[in-house]
Amino acid sequence: MPKAPRTHIVYRCYDASGWLLYIGLTNSLTQRKWHHRQNSFWWPQLFWMTTEEHPDRESGTYAERMAILNEDPLYNVVRHLPPIPWETPCPR
């Protein structure tokens, strides 16, 4: 029996005052939260998290990128965002 496709989740992390701390993308929110708990200095500030599901990695990646650029979370590093495949210029 084939596995059901995994959804991809864009998540937003906020502090108690409503400041947007971080925006991320994952297909396993449980594992990603564990990783942040172990490695993200901002994790103790987390008060609540919102999520939105996307049917595939491409749409999730696009939504995450647009959210980071438009919402300006405090702790995302946007200097080195990899290009989305369909944004890569075609050779002429």
Protein backbone atom coordinates (compact mmCIF):
# COMPACT_ATOMS: atom_id res chain seq x y z
CA MET A 1 0.00 0.00 0.00
CA PRO A 2 1.54 3.37 -0.99
CA LYS A 3 2.19 5.94 1.69
CA ALA A 4 0.00 9.01 1.79
CA PRO A 5 1.88 12.12 0.65
CA ARG A 6 3.27 14.16 3.50
CA THR A 7 2.04 17.66 3.94
CA HIS A 8 4.55 20.41 4.50
CA ILE A 9 3.94 22.82 7.33
CA VAL A 10 4.88 26.49 7.48
CA TYR A 11 5.04 27.44 11.14
CA ARG A 12 5.33 30.79 12.89
CA CYS A 13 6.73 31.16 16.40
CA TYR A 14 5.68 34.08 18.61
CA ASP A 15 6.66 35.36 22.03
CA ALA A 16 4.19 36.35 24.76
CA SER A 17 4.03 39.93 23.47
CA GLY A 18 3.12 38.80 19.96
CA TRP A 19 6.52 39.41 18.37
CA LEU A 20 7.16 37.07 15.46
CA LEU A 21 10.34 35.20 16.36
CA TYR A 22 10.79 32.70 13.56
CA ILE A 23 9.15 31.23 10.46
CA GLY A 24 10.04 27.75 9.27
CA LEU A 25 9.04 24.85 7.04
CA THR A 26 8.95 21.17 7.94
CA ASN A 27 7.25 17.91 7.11
CA SER A 28 7.59 16.75 10.72
CA LEU A 29 6.61 19.42 13.22
CA THR A 30 7.35 17.17 16.19
CA GLN A 31 10.95 16.59 15.08
CA ARG A 32 11.44 20.23 14.14
CA LYS A 33 10.21 21.45 17.53
CA TRP A 34 12.59 19.01 19.24
CA HIS A 35 15.46 20.37 17.12
CA HIS A 36 14.59 23.99 17.98
CA ARG A 37 14.29 23.09 21.67
CA GLN A 38 17.84 21.70 21.56
CA ASN A 39 19.50 24.27 19.27
CA SER A 40 17.63 27.58 18.99
CA PHE A 41 18.57 30.26 21.49
CA TRP A 42 15.16 31.90 21.00
CA TRP A 43 13.17 28.77 21.96
CA PRO A 44 12.68 29.79 25.64
CA GLN A 45 10.90 32.94 24.38
CA LEU A 46 8.32 30.88 22.47
CA PHE A 47 4.78 31.40 23.74
CA TRP A 48 2.66 30.17 20.83
CA MET A 49 2.99 28.73 17.36
CA THR A 50 0.69 28.82 14.34
CA THR A 51 0.78 26.39 11.43
CA GLU A 52 -0.45 26.21 7.87
CA GLU A 53 -0.35 23.07 5.73
CA HIS A 54 0.81 22.88 2.13
CA PRO A 55 0.33 19.88 -0.16
CA ASP A 56 3.93 19.74 -1.39
CA ARG A 57 7.42 21.02 -0.70
CA GLU A 58 7.34 23.55 -3.55
CA SER A 59 4.24 25.39 -2.33
CA GLY A 60 5.50 25.23 1.25
CA THR A 61 8.90 26.62 0.28
CA TYR A 62 7.28 29.48 -1.62
CA ALA A 63 4.93 30.29 1.28
CA GLU A 64 7.78 30.19 3.79
CA ARG A 65 9.97 32.46 1.68
CA MET A 66 7.20 35.01 1.09
CA ALA A 67 6.32 34.99 4.79
CA ILE A 68 9.95 35.58 5.84
CA LEU A 69 10.41 38.41 3.36
CA ASN A 70 7.07 40.09 4.10
CA GLU A 71 6.73 39.52 7.86
CA ASP A 72 10.37 40.06 8.92
CA PRO A 73 10.69 37.61 11.85
CA LEU A 74 13.29 38.54 14.43
CA TYR A 75 15.52 35.47 14.16
CA ASN A 76 15.35 34.18 10.60
CA VAL A 77 18.48 34.58 8.51
CA VAL A 78 17.39 35.56 5.00
CA ARG A 79 20.78 36.38 3.53
CA HIS A 80 21.34 32.87 2.21
CA LEU A 81 17.94 31.65 1.06
CA PRO A 82 18.48 29.12 -1.71
CA PRO A 83 16.70 29.84 -4.98
CA ILE A 84 13.37 28.15 -5.53
CA PRO A 85 13.84 25.93 -8.61
CA TRP A 86 11.32 27.79 -10.73
CA GLU A 87 12.96 31.13 -9.84
CA THR A 88 16.32 30.05 -11.26
CA PRO A 89 16.90 31.83 -14.57
CA CYS A 90 16.96 29.62 -17.64
CA PRO A 91 20.17 29.75 -19.68
CA ARG A 92 19.75 31.61 -22.97
